[in-house]
Amino acid sequence: MSIFGNLGGLFSSDMAIDLGTANTLVYVKGKGVVLSEPSVVAYHIKDGVKKVLAVGEDAKLMLGRTPGSIEAIRPMREGVIADFDTAEEMIKHFIRKVHKRSTFSKPKIIVCVPHGATPVEKRAIRQSVLSAGARRAGLIAEPIAAAIGAGMPITDPTGNMVVDIGGGTTEVAVLSLGDIVYARSVRVGGDRMDEAIISYLRRQQNLLVGETTAERIKTSIGTARMPDDGRGTSMQIRGRDLLNGVPKEIEVTQAQIAEALAEPVQQICEAVMTALETTPPDLAADIVDRGVMLTGGGALLGDLDLALREQAGLAVSIADESLNCVALGTGKALEYETQLRHAIDYDS
């Protein structure tokens, strides 16, 4: 068996996977990020038998729009696997999509996991990746991957603070000498922001909108601070009027969305403040010099860096490719495995 395992390694190109709640990114050794698709799987159910209909981009278009026989599922919740079988199907699909060559190849795969993931959750991710056809499955903590991807000098004996705001979780970590000194994972991210927008519109405007509309509002006019003029830009949205049950179009302003997002933004700010309070004094002094680095899709929320700067009184910068940071960092861990060996966990 080991001979075949080694042979499989000869034909494969090892890969790193950022298995995110909202998006899954695949990095292939020597090629960079080759795939970025939503973490969604659509099933067709007939006579109790599930058959995969679409994965990724195609499946996302079906969210909230499926008939009874089709089900669109997001197998990842809050950074970890919520639906084991669906996650396995999704990983298999993405591996096949990247590996257009023989089915003989068995790549080595490194996956990033939230810092707060339990041993059971880690085992579930490892098992899914191995069942999907990996030769070996390594895990790396998301904050380390995010910091590497953002180009932070984490192997130096100085303090670096990274805040990775993903779809399901926000990871706040202080790193030094290539490892985590302090890390905290709060289950607030892009999904919680979407939910906050949905519940705000239901409460204040008696309008019911779906997840897709909420996400579009967040990416178009979402902001973490009240606009200076008390209104900001606006956009037209459509949903169902809860008073008389008919579809309706209304205008929402940036000020309303800032109000809707106040709670999740505050939770992220509090997580950063807690991290700063528990950081050893010498590392805290380094963070004053270097500031805080924001990564992840949530870092793109308008004025979030300013909101954090006002609360923490530190310089806050957004990583260049914040959406791809974790995937790039996990990929670099694959490329420079010997130097970052201590950060990758191959057995549990």
Protein backbone atom coordinates (compact mmCIF):
# COMPACT_ATOMS: atom_id res chain seq x y z
CA MET A 1 0.00 0.00 0.00
CA SER A 2 2.83 2.39 0.90
CA ILE A 3 4.39 1.83 -2.55
CA PHE A 4 1.14 2.93 -4.17
CA GLY A 5 0.95 5.85 -1.76
CA ASN A 6 4.41 6.99 -2.86
CA LEU A 7 3.54 6.46 -6.51
CA GLY A 8 0.41 8.55 -6.03
CA GLY A 9 2.65 11.28 -4.64
CA LEU A 10 4.77 11.28 -7.81
CA PHE A 11 1.79 12.11 -10.02
CA SER A 12 0.09 14.57 -7.74
CA SER A 13 0.45 18.26 -7.18
CA ASP A 14 0.11 18.98 -3.48
CA MET A 15 -2.45 21.56 -2.49
CA ALA A 16 -3.58 23.82 0.31
CA ILE A 17 -7.27 24.37 0.98
CA ASP A 18 -8.88 27.28 2.79
CA LEU A 19 -12.12 25.54 3.72
CA GLY A 20 -14.16 28.62 4.54
CA THR A 21 -17.73 29.06 5.72
CA ALA A 22 -18.53 31.30 2.76
CA ASN A 23 -15.87 30.41 0.15
CA THR A 24 -13.41 27.59 -0.44
CA LEU A 25 -10.07 28.46 -2.03
CA VAL A 26 -7.59 25.96 -3.40
CA TYR A 27 -3.87 26.69 -3.74
CA VAL A 28 -1.76 24.31 -5.83
CA LYS A 29 1.95 24.07 -5.08
CA GLY A 30 3.92 26.10 -7.62
CA LYS A 31 0.79 27.60 -9.23
CA GLY A 32 -0.84 29.74 -6.53
CA VAL A 33 -4.59 30.09 -5.92
CA VAL A 34 -6.29 28.24 -8.78
CA LEU A 35 -9.87 28.02 -7.51
CA SER A 36 -12.16 30.23 -5.44
CA GLU A 37 -15.79 29.18 -5.19
CA PRO A 38 -18.64 29.48 -2.68
CA SER A 39 -18.88 26.65 -0.12
CA VAL A 40 -22.31 25.50 -1.30
CA VAL A 41 -23.57 22.12 -2.52
CA ALA A 42 -26.94 21.55 -4.24
CA TYR A 43 -28.60 18.13 -4.06
CA HIS A 44 -31.41 16.61 -6.06
CA ILE A 45 -33.48 14.33 -3.83
CA LYS A 46 -35.46 11.55 -5.50
CA ASP A 47 -37.04 8.65 -3.59
CA GLY A 48 -34.91 9.54 -0.57
CA VAL A 49 -31.66 9.26 -2.56
CA LYS A 50 -29.43 12.34 -2.72
CA LYS A 51 -27.57 13.11 -5.93
CA VAL A 52 -25.15 16.03 -6.23
CA LEU A 53 -26.52 18.51 -8.73
CA ALA A 54 -24.09 21.44 -8.47
CA VAL A 55 -21.18 22.62 -6.34
CA GLY A 56 -19.73 26.09 -5.80
CA GLU A 57 -20.81 29.01 -7.98
CA ASP A 58 -23.68 27.15 -9.68
CA ALA A 59 -25.04 25.89 -6.36
CA LYS A 60 -24.87 29.35 -4.77
CA LEU A 61 -27.25 30.74 -7.41
CA MET A 62 -29.79 28.17 -6.17
CA LEU A 63 -29.66 29.25 -2.48
CA GLY A 64 -33.13 30.33 -1.35
CA ARG A 65 -34.59 29.57 -4.78
CA THR A 66 -34.93 25.79 -4.83
CA PRO A 67 -38.08 23.70 -5.43
CA GLY A 68 -38.95 20.89 -3.01
CA SER A 69 -36.87 18.24 -4.78
CA ILE A 70 -33.65 20.27 -4.71
CA GLU A 71 -31.76 21.31 -1.60
CA ALA A 72 -28.88 23.80 -1.49
CA ILE A 73 -26.69 23.33 1.58
CA ARG A 74 -23.71 25.15 3.07
CA PRO A 75 -21.76 22.31 4.71
CA MET A 76 -19.52 24.68 6.70
CA ARG A 77 -20.88 26.60 9.68
CA GLU A 78 -18.75 28.94 11.78
CA GLY A 79 -15.53 27.69 10.21
CA VAL A 80 -16.08 23.99 10.90
CA ILE A 81 -17.92 21.14 9.18
CA ALA A 82 -21.63 21.05 9.98
CA ASP A 83 -22.61 18.45 7.39
CA PHE A 84 -19.96 15.75 7.09
CA ASP A 85 -21.10 13.95 3.90
CA THR A 86 -21.81 17.16 2.00
CA ALA A 87 -18.41 18.62 2.96
CA GLU A 88 -16.71 15.47 1.68
CA GLU A 89 -18.58 15.72 -1.65
CA MET A 90 -17.60 19.38 -1.93
CA ILE A 91 -13.90 18.74 -1.22
CA LYS A 92 -13.91 15.83 -3.73
CA HIS A 93 -15.48 18.05 -6.38
CA PHE A 94 -12.90 20.84 -5.88
CA ILE A 95 -9.97 18.38 -5.89
CA ARG A 96 -11.26 16.82 -9.13
CA LYS A 97 -11.75 20.26 -10.65
CA VAL A 98 -8.15 21.22 -9.89
CA HIS A 99 -6.69 17.79 -10.74
CA LYS A 100 -7.84 17.35 -14.32
CA ARG A 101 -5.28 14.58 -14.75
CA SER A 102 -5.55 10.93 -13.73
CA THR A 103 -7.63 9.77 -10.81
CA PHE A 104 -4.44 7.97 -9.78
CA SER A 105 -2.97 11.08 -8.17
CA LYS A 106 -3.27 11.40 -4.41
CA PRO A 107 -2.14 14.84 -3.31
CA LYS A 108 -0.87 15.90 0.07
CA ILE A 109 -3.29 18.53 1.38
CA ILE A 110 -2.94 21.16 4.10
CA VAL A 111 -6.18 22.67 5.39
CA CYS A 112 -6.56 25.62 7.71
CA VAL A 113 -8.81 25.33 10.77
CA PRO A 114 -10.10 27.97 13.19
CA HIS A 115 -7.95 28.30 16.30
CA GLY A 116 -10.94 27.48 18.49
CA ALA A 117 -11.78 24.21 16.70
CA THR A 118 -12.20 21.26 19.07
CA PRO A 119 -10.26 17.99 18.55
CA VAL A 120 -13.51 16.40 17.27
CA GLU A 121 -13.99 19.19 14.70
CA LYS A 122 -10.35 18.87 13.61
CA ARG A 123 -10.74 15.13 13.20
CA ALA A 124 -13.86 15.67 11.09
CA ILE A 125 -11.98 18.01 8.72
CA ARG A 126 -8.98 15.64 8.50
CA GLN A 127 -11.24 12.65 7.87
CA SER A 128 -13.20 14.47 5.15
CA VAL A 129 -10.00 15.45 3.33
CA LEU A 130 -8.57 11.90 3.53
CA SER A 131 -11.88 10.38 2.34
CA ALA A 132 -11.89 12.87 -0.54
CA GLY A 133 -8.64 11.33 -1.81
CA ALA A 134 -5.72 12.98 0.00
CA ARG A 135 -2.52 11.04 0.64
CA ARG A 136 -1.82 13.00 3.81
CA ALA A 137 -3.84 15.71 5.53
CA GLY A 138 -2.18 18.45 7.55
CA LEU A 139 -3.91 21.16 9.56
CA ILE A 140 -2.69 24.70 10.18
CA ALA A 141 -4.26 27.28 12.49
CA GLU A 142 -6.11 29.98 10.57
CA PRO A 143 -4.43 32.97 12.32
CA ILE A 144 -0.97 31.65 11.40
CA ALA A 145 -2.04 31.13 7.77
CA ALA A 146 -3.64 34.60 7.62
CA ALA A 147 -0.50 36.28 9.02
CA ILE A 148 1.79 34.42 6.57
CA GLY A 149 -0.52 35.33 3.67
CA ALA A 150 -0.52 38.99 4.73
CA GLY A 151 3.29 38.98 4.58
CA MET A 152 3.84 39.51 8.30
CA PRO A 153 7.28 38.53 9.68
CA ILE A 154 5.84 35.97 12.09
CA THR A 155 9.11 34.06 12.58
CA ASP A 156 10.80 37.13 14.11
CA PRO A 157 10.92 37.54 17.90
CA THR A 158 8.46 40.45 17.74
CA GLY A 159 4.72 40.72 18.33
CA ASN A 160 2.37 40.70 15.34
CA MET A 161 -1.38 41.04 15.67
CA VAL A 162 -3.70 39.68 13.01
CA VAL A 163 -7.51 39.87 12.88
CA ASP A 164 -8.98 37.44 10.35
CA ILE A 165 -12.68 38.13 9.71
CA GLY A 166 -14.17 35.23 7.79
CA GLY A 167 -17.69 34.13 6.96
CA GLY A 168 -18.32 32.27 10.21
CA THR A 169 -15.63 33.32 12.68
CA THR A 170 -13.31 36.18 13.54
CA GLU A 171 -9.89 35.05 14.71
CA VAL A 172 -7.84 37.51 16.74
CA ALA A 173 -4.26 36.40 17.36
CA VAL A 174 -0.92 37.70 18.58
CA LEU A 175 1.98 35.84 16.99
CA SER A 176 5.68 35.73 17.76
CA LEU A 177 8.50 33.36 16.75
CA GLY A 178 6.26 31.58 14.25
CA ASP A 179 3.58 30.53 16.72
CA ILE A 180 0.51 31.80 18.56
CA VAL A 181 1.06 33.62 21.85
CA TYR A 182 -2.60 34.47 22.31
CA ALA A 183 -5.59 33.69 20.12
CA ARG A 184 -9.30 34.04 20.45
CA SER A 185 -11.97 32.88 18.06
CA VAL A 186 -15.35 34.61 18.21
CA ARG A 187 -18.23 33.22 16.20
CA VAL A 188 -18.97 36.49 14.45
CA GLY A 189 -18.26 37.04 10.77
CA GLY A 190 -19.83 37.83 7.42
CA ASP A 191 -22.77 35.46 8.04
CA ARG A 192 -23.64 37.15 11.33
CA MET A 193 -23.55 40.51 9.55
CA ASP A 194 -25.99 39.22 6.91
CA GLU A 195 -28.30 37.96 9.66
CA ALA A 196 -28.11 41.35 11.41
CA ILE A 197 -29.18 43.09 8.17
CA ILE A 198 -32.08 40.63 7.66
CA SER A 199 -33.40 41.07 11.21
CA TYR A 200 -32.99 44.88 11.09
CA LEU A 201 -35.02 45.15 7.86
CA ARG A 202 -37.67 42.83 9.28
CA ARG A 203 -37.93 44.91 12.47
CA GLN A 204 -37.63 48.42 11.10
CA GLN A 205 -39.04 48.17 7.58
CA ASN A 206 -41.38 45.14 7.83
CA LEU A 207 -39.51 43.74 4.85
CA LEU A 208 -38.30 40.15 4.60
CA VAL A 209 -35.18 39.66 2.45
CA GLY A 210 -33.11 36.54 1.75
CA GLU A 211 -29.44 35.83 2.51
CA THR A 212 -28.35 36.68 -1.04
CA THR A 213 -29.97 40.14 -0.88
CA ALA A 214 -28.50 40.78 2.59
CA GLU A 215 -25.03 39.89 1.31
CA ARG A 216 -25.46 42.22 -1.66
CA ILE A 217 -26.47 45.09 0.66
CA LYS A 218 -23.44 44.39 2.89
CA THR A 219 -20.94 44.36 -0.01
CA SER A 220 -22.48 47.38 -1.77
CA ILE A 221 -23.16 49.89 1.03
CA GLY A 222 -22.19 48.09 4.26
CA THR A 223 -20.22 50.27 6.68
CA ALA A 224 -18.98 49.96 10.25
CA ARG A 225 -19.39 53.67 11.08
CA MET A 226 -22.23 56.16 10.77
CA PRO A 227 -21.74 58.26 7.61
CA ASP A 228 -20.72 61.87 8.35
CA ASP A 229 -23.90 63.28 6.79
CA GLY A 230 -26.10 60.89 8.79
CA ARG A 231 -27.39 59.18 5.64
CA GLY A 232 -24.66 58.12 3.20
CA THR A 233 -25.33 56.45 -0.14
CA SER A 234 -28.45 54.37 -0.70
CA MET A 235 -29.64 51.46 -2.84
CA GLN A 236 -32.93 49.94 -3.93
CA ILE A 237 -33.72 46.48 -2.57
CA ARG A 238 -36.62 44.10 -3.04
CA GLY A 239 -38.21 41.68 -0.63
CA ARG A 240 -41.56 40.59 0.76
CA ASP A 241 -43.72 43.08 2.65
CA LEU A 242 -44.59 41.40 5.97
CA LEU A 243 -47.77 43.46 6.46
CA ASN A 244 -49.64 42.41 3.34
CA GLY A 245 -47.44 39.60 2.00
CA VAL A 246 -46.70 41.08 -1.45
CA PRO A 247 -43.26 41.75 -3.01
CA LYS A 248 -42.09 45.32 -2.47
CA GLU A 249 -39.13 47.56 -3.33
CA ILE A 250 -37.69 50.05 -0.84
CA GLU A 251 -34.62 52.24 -0.49
CA VAL A 252 -32.08 51.57 2.26
CA THR A 253 -29.35 54.01 3.28
CA GLN A 254 -25.83 53.48 4.58
CA ALA A 255 -26.84 54.96 7.94
CA GLN A 256 -29.50 52.24 8.36
CA ILE A 257 -27.03 49.49 7.50
CA ALA A 258 -24.42 50.96 9.89
CA GLU A 259 -27.09 50.77 12.61
CA ALA A 260 -27.92 47.17 11.63
CA LEU A 261 -24.24 46.13 11.74
CA ALA A 262 -23.44 47.95 15.01
CA GLU A 263 -23.66 44.80 17.15
CA PRO A 264 -21.42 42.43 15.12
CA VAL A 265 -18.89 45.24 14.58
CA GLN A 266 -18.85 45.92 18.33
CA GLN A 267 -18.25 42.21 19.03
CA ILE A 268 -15.22 42.23 16.69
CA CYS A 269 -13.87 45.39 18.36
CA GLU A 270 -14.32 43.83 21.82
CA ALA A 271 -12.45 40.68 20.76
CA VAL A 272 -9.52 42.88 19.64
CA MET A 273 -9.59 44.87 22.90
CA THR A 274 -9.62 41.63 24.97
CA ALA A 275 -6.63 40.36 23.00
CA LEU A 276 -4.71 43.59 23.64
CA GLU A 277 -5.48 43.41 27.37
CA THR A 278 -4.09 39.86 27.68
CA THR A 279 -0.98 40.35 25.50
CA PRO A 280 2.37 40.31 27.38
CA PRO A 281 3.69 43.89 27.77
CA ASP A 282 6.76 43.52 25.51
CA LEU A 283 4.66 42.12 22.68
CA ALA A 284 2.05 44.84 23.26
CA ALA A 285 4.83 47.40 22.76
CA ASP A 286 5.66 45.79 19.38
CA ILE A 287 1.99 45.96 18.36
CA VAL A 288 1.95 49.71 19.10
CA ASP A 289 4.81 50.03 16.58
CA ARG A 290 3.46 47.66 13.94
CA GLY A 291 -0.29 48.11 14.35
CA VAL A 292 -3.00 45.55 13.63
CA MET A 293 -3.44 43.68 10.33
CA LEU A 294 -6.96 42.91 9.08
CA THR A 295 -7.48 39.95 6.75
CA GLY A 296 -10.45 37.94 5.45
CA GLY A 297 -13.52 38.97 3.48
CA GLY A 298 -15.00 40.82 6.46
CA ALA A 299 -12.01 43.22 6.43
CA LEU A 300 -13.52 44.72 3.26
CA LEU A 301 -16.51 46.10 5.19
CA GLY A 302 -16.46 49.87 4.73
CA ASP A 303 -14.65 51.86 7.45
CA LEU A 304 -14.08 48.81 9.67
CA ASP A 305 -10.41 49.77 9.98
CA LEU A 306 -11.44 53.26 11.14
CA ALA A 307 -13.93 51.87 13.68
CA LEU A 308 -11.18 49.66 15.13
CA ARG A 309 -8.68 52.49 15.11
CA GLU A 310 -11.06 54.69 17.12
CA GLN A 311 -11.58 51.98 19.76
CA ALA A 312 -8.06 50.62 20.08
CA GLY A 313 -6.06 53.76 19.30
CA LEU A 314 -3.67 51.74 17.12
CA ALA A 315 -2.75 51.85 13.45
CA VAL A 316 -4.98 49.38 11.59
CA SER A 317 -4.18 48.25 8.06
CA ILE A 318 -5.97 45.94 5.63
CA ALA A 319 -3.97 43.19 3.90
CA ASP A 320 -3.45 43.58 0.14
CA GLU A 321 -5.31 40.44 -0.88
CA SER A 322 -7.44 40.12 2.23
CA LEU A 323 -9.86 37.62 0.65
CA ASN A 324 -7.05 35.26 -0.36
CA CYS A 325 -4.77 35.75 2.65
CA VAL A 326 -5.56 32.49 4.43
CA ALA A 327 -5.28 30.45 1.21
CA LEU A 328 -1.98 32.15 0.29
CA GLY A 329 -0.63 31.59 3.79
CA THR A 330 -1.67 27.92 3.81
CA GLY A 331 -0.03 27.60 0.37
CA LYS A 332 3.19 29.17 1.62
CA ALA A 333 3.18 26.71 4.52
CA LEU A 334 3.07 23.97 1.88
CA GLU A 335 5.92 25.54 -0.13
CA TYR A 336 8.13 26.22 2.92
CA GLU A 337 7.12 23.19 4.90
CA THR A 338 10.49 22.60 6.53
CA GLN A 339 10.67 26.13 8.02
CA LEU A 340 7.03 26.04 9.18
CA ARG A 341 6.95 22.40 10.23
CA HIS A 342 6.02 23.28 13.82
CA ALA A 343 2.86 25.09 12.63
CA ILE A 344 1.47 22.13 10.63
CA ASP A 345 -0.24 19.32 12.48
CA TYR A 346 -0.22 16.01 10.58
CA ASP A 347 -1.57 13.69 13.25
CA SER A 348 -4.38 13.71 15.73
